[in-house]
Amino acid sequence: MVALEHARAHRLERRTAELQGELERLVETARENDRLARQLHRLTVELLTCDDGDELVHSLLEGVRQNFRVEAVGLRVAREWFAPNLDERFLAPQLWVQNRFVASGNVLLGAPADDETVTSLYGDTTAPLRSQALVPLRDGSQLFGVMGLGSTDAQRYTEGMGTTYLERLAELAGALLARFART
């Protein structure tokens, strides 16, 4: 009887430790989500003060890099929509935007396809990017661009991870950038 009670107590201790670990992971996730929400809000307020397209793009890229702690941020929008309203280095043909990155229209996570892809979106990077998030930029249902967040950490952006804040960032950036599209 004592052995049975001892075994039961041991199982309960092990299960309690497992639940404690799970609770700690959930609390850490909640803290990280709260931090991301604050950062996204701060970035939103900053972007709303931009008066022209180039200022918006600069503030967006720097804000994402700093607030979301990524090594590289890149942006390409359809030349057909934005020339001459944005700096040429951020423009690409509409077909390139659609075919190269986000034909599916969803946030894409994982390793960059190749060095050419990295260079064409991010320019020269100081360290090799091992994972990235590619977020589609839209005006309504019209896809017009892509923003990439690149990391040297291969586990930073992996398939299956949550994309809620990336989707919110894409929606914000798309709506604000669309104000500077040619009419």
Protein backbone atom coordinates (compact mmCIF):
# COMPACT_ATOMS: atom_id res chain seq x y z
CA MET A 1 0.00 0.00 0.00
CA VAL A 2 2.81 2.40 0.87
CA ALA A 3 4.53 1.64 -2.46
CA LEU A 4 1.30 2.36 -4.34
CA GLU A 5 0.85 5.68 -2.55
CA HIS A 6 4.49 6.55 -3.20
CA ALA A 7 4.09 5.82 -6.93
CA ARG A 8 0.90 7.89 -7.05
CA ALA A 9 2.60 10.80 -5.28
CA HIS A 10 5.54 10.58 -7.70
CA ARG A 11 3.17 10.71 -10.72
CA LEU A 12 1.37 13.71 -9.23
CA GLU A 13 4.66 15.52 -8.62
CA ARG A 14 5.76 14.84 -12.20
CA ARG A 15 2.40 16.03 -13.58
CA THR A 16 2.52 19.13 -11.38
CA ALA A 17 6.00 19.94 -12.72
CA GLU A 18 4.76 19.48 -16.32
CA LEU A 19 1.80 21.77 -15.71
CA GLN A 20 4.02 24.34 -14.02
CA GLY A 21 6.31 24.33 -17.08
CA GLU A 22 3.33 24.71 -19.42
CA LEU A 23 1.96 27.57 -17.33
CA GLU A 24 5.34 29.33 -17.44
CA ARG A 25 5.44 28.98 -21.26
CA LEU A 26 1.91 30.40 -21.53
CA VAL A 27 2.77 33.36 -19.30
CA GLU A 28 5.91 34.03 -21.36
CA THR A 29 3.87 33.89 -24.58
CA ALA A 30 1.33 36.30 -23.10
CA ARG A 31 4.13 38.71 -22.12
CA GLU A 32 5.64 38.51 -25.61
CA ASN A 33 2.22 39.13 -27.20
CA ASP A 34 1.71 42.13 -24.93
CA ARG A 35 5.14 43.48 -25.93
CA LEU A 36 4.32 43.00 -29.62
CA ALA A 37 0.97 44.76 -29.22
CA ARG A 38 2.67 47.75 -27.57
CA GLN A 39 5.34 47.86 -30.29
CA LEU A 40 2.77 47.65 -33.08
CA HIS A 41 0.75 50.45 -31.47
CA ARG A 42 3.86 52.62 -31.10
CA LEU A 43 4.77 51.99 -34.75
CA THR A 44 1.21 52.77 -35.85
CA VAL A 45 1.24 56.14 -34.10
CA GLU A 46 4.62 56.98 -35.64
CA LEU A 47 3.53 55.99 -39.16
CA LEU A 48 0.33 58.03 -38.95
CA THR A 49 2.45 61.20 -38.65
CA CYS A 50 4.26 60.63 -41.98
CA ASP A 51 3.51 63.23 -44.65
CA ASP A 52 4.96 61.59 -47.77
CA GLY A 53 5.66 58.14 -49.16
CA ASP A 54 9.42 58.15 -48.72
CA GLU A 55 9.12 59.25 -45.09
CA LEU A 56 6.54 56.51 -44.54
CA VAL A 57 8.77 53.83 -46.07
CA HIS A 58 11.80 54.95 -44.06
CA SER A 59 9.80 55.07 -40.81
CA LEU A 60 8.18 51.71 -41.55
CA LEU A 61 11.46 49.92 -42.25
CA GLU A 62 13.32 51.45 -39.30
CA GLY A 63 10.35 51.00 -36.99
CA VAL A 64 9.98 47.33 -37.87
CA ARG A 65 13.73 46.75 -37.54
CA GLN A 66 13.91 48.36 -34.10
CA ASN A 67 10.54 47.44 -32.59
CA PHE A 68 10.45 43.86 -33.79
CA ARG A 69 14.17 43.16 -33.35
CA VAL A 70 15.01 41.86 -36.81
CA GLU A 71 18.33 42.09 -38.61
CA ALA A 72 16.88 42.96 -42.01
CA VAL A 73 13.69 44.51 -43.35
CA GLY A 74 12.94 44.82 -47.03
CA LEU A 75 10.13 46.29 -49.07
CA ARG A 76 9.17 46.01 -52.72
CA VAL A 77 6.01 47.49 -54.16
CA ALA A 78 4.62 47.44 -57.68
CA ARG A 79 6.24 50.07 -59.89
CA GLU A 80 2.98 50.29 -61.80
CA TRP A 81 1.24 51.51 -58.64
CA PHE A 82 3.84 53.75 -57.05
CA ALA A 83 6.24 55.29 -59.59
CA PRO A 84 7.15 58.14 -59.28
CA ASN A 85 5.69 58.56 -55.77
CA LEU A 86 8.27 56.35 -54.01
CA ASP A 87 12.03 55.96 -54.19
CA GLU A 88 13.03 53.71 -57.09
CA ARG A 89 14.92 51.28 -54.85
CA PHE A 90 11.61 50.10 -53.37
CA LEU A 91 9.92 49.49 -56.71
CA ALA A 92 9.62 46.24 -58.67
CA PRO A 93 7.36 45.09 -61.51
CA GLN A 94 3.92 43.93 -60.34
CA LEU A 95 4.50 40.49 -61.83
CA TRP A 96 7.79 40.16 -59.90
CA VAL A 97 5.99 40.97 -56.66
CA GLN A 98 3.27 38.41 -57.35
CA ASN A 99 5.41 35.58 -58.72
CA ARG A 100 8.50 35.97 -56.63
CA PHE A 101 7.04 36.02 -53.17
CA VAL A 102 3.39 36.12 -52.40
CA ALA A 103 1.29 34.72 -55.22
CA SER A 104 -0.65 32.84 -52.56
CA GLY A 105 -1.38 36.06 -50.70
CA ASN A 106 -0.52 34.55 -47.30
CA VAL A 107 2.32 35.30 -44.91
CA LEU A 108 5.19 32.98 -45.86
CA LEU A 109 7.62 31.77 -43.21
CA GLY A 110 10.86 29.86 -43.52
CA ALA A 111 14.33 29.93 -45.00
CA PRO A 112 15.01 32.30 -47.91
CA ALA A 113 14.94 30.52 -51.26
CA ASP A 114 18.40 31.69 -52.38
CA ASP A 115 20.95 34.49 -52.13
CA GLU A 116 19.48 36.32 -55.12
CA THR A 117 16.11 36.49 -53.38
CA VAL A 118 17.71 37.89 -50.23
CA THR A 119 19.69 40.51 -52.14
CA SER A 120 16.73 41.57 -54.28
CA LEU A 121 14.54 42.19 -51.22
CA TYR A 122 16.93 43.20 -48.43
CA GLY A 123 20.01 44.43 -50.29
CA ASP A 124 23.39 43.43 -48.94
CA THR A 125 23.16 42.02 -45.43
CA THR A 126 26.03 41.88 -42.96
CA ALA A 127 25.24 38.30 -41.90
CA PRO A 128 23.45 35.51 -43.76
CA LEU A 129 19.70 35.46 -43.25
CA ARG A 130 18.52 32.01 -42.21
CA SER A 131 14.78 32.65 -41.87
CA GLN A 132 12.29 35.23 -43.01
CA ALA A 133 8.67 36.28 -42.94
CA LEU A 134 7.28 37.58 -46.22
CA VAL A 135 4.12 39.57 -45.71
CA PRO A 136 1.83 40.57 -48.58
CA LEU A 137 0.83 44.20 -48.85
CA ARG A 138 -2.62 44.96 -50.21
CA ASP A 139 -5.06 47.69 -50.96
CA GLY A 140 -8.33 45.88 -50.33
CA SER A 141 -7.94 42.62 -52.22
CA GLN A 142 -5.30 43.98 -54.62
CA LEU A 143 -1.81 42.67 -53.91
CA PHE A 144 0.73 45.42 -54.60
CA GLY A 145 3.82 44.61 -52.57
CA VAL A 146 5.77 42.53 -50.12
CA MET A 147 7.61 43.33 -46.94
CA GLY A 148 10.24 40.93 -45.68
CA LEU A 149 11.53 40.53 -42.14
CA GLY A 150 14.81 38.63 -42.15
CA SER A 151 16.64 36.97 -39.29
CA THR A 152 19.98 35.26 -38.80
CA ASP A 153 18.16 32.84 -36.46
CA ALA A 154 16.91 29.83 -38.43
CA GLN A 155 14.13 29.30 -35.86
CA ARG A 156 12.83 32.89 -35.80
CA TYR A 157 10.33 32.38 -38.65
CA THR A 158 9.22 28.81 -39.18
CA GLU A 159 6.16 27.21 -40.72
CA GLY A 160 3.42 26.66 -38.21
CA MET A 161 4.21 29.63 -35.98
CA GLY A 162 1.53 32.23 -35.33
CA THR A 163 1.28 35.10 -37.79
CA THR A 164 -1.35 37.33 -36.18
CA TYR A 165 0.98 40.29 -35.56
CA LEU A 166 2.62 39.91 -38.96
CA GLU A 167 -0.83 40.00 -40.57
CA ARG A 168 -1.72 43.12 -38.58
CA LEU A 169 1.56 44.74 -39.59
CA ALA A 170 0.87 43.89 -43.25
CA GLU A 171 -2.63 45.34 -43.05
CA LEU A 172 -1.32 48.54 -41.47
CA ALA A 173 1.55 48.95 -43.93
CA GLY A 174 -0.67 48.16 -46.90
CA ALA A 175 -3.34 50.68 -45.93
CA LEU A 176 -0.82 53.45 -45.27
CA LEU A 177 1.27 52.80 -48.38
CA ALA A 178 -1.83 52.69 -50.59
CA ARG A 179 -2.35 56.39 -49.82
CA PHE A 180 0.72 57.11 -51.94
CA ALA A 181 -0.24 54.97 -54.94
CA ARG A 182 -0.65 56.75 -58.25
CA THR A 183 -4.19 57.52 -59.16
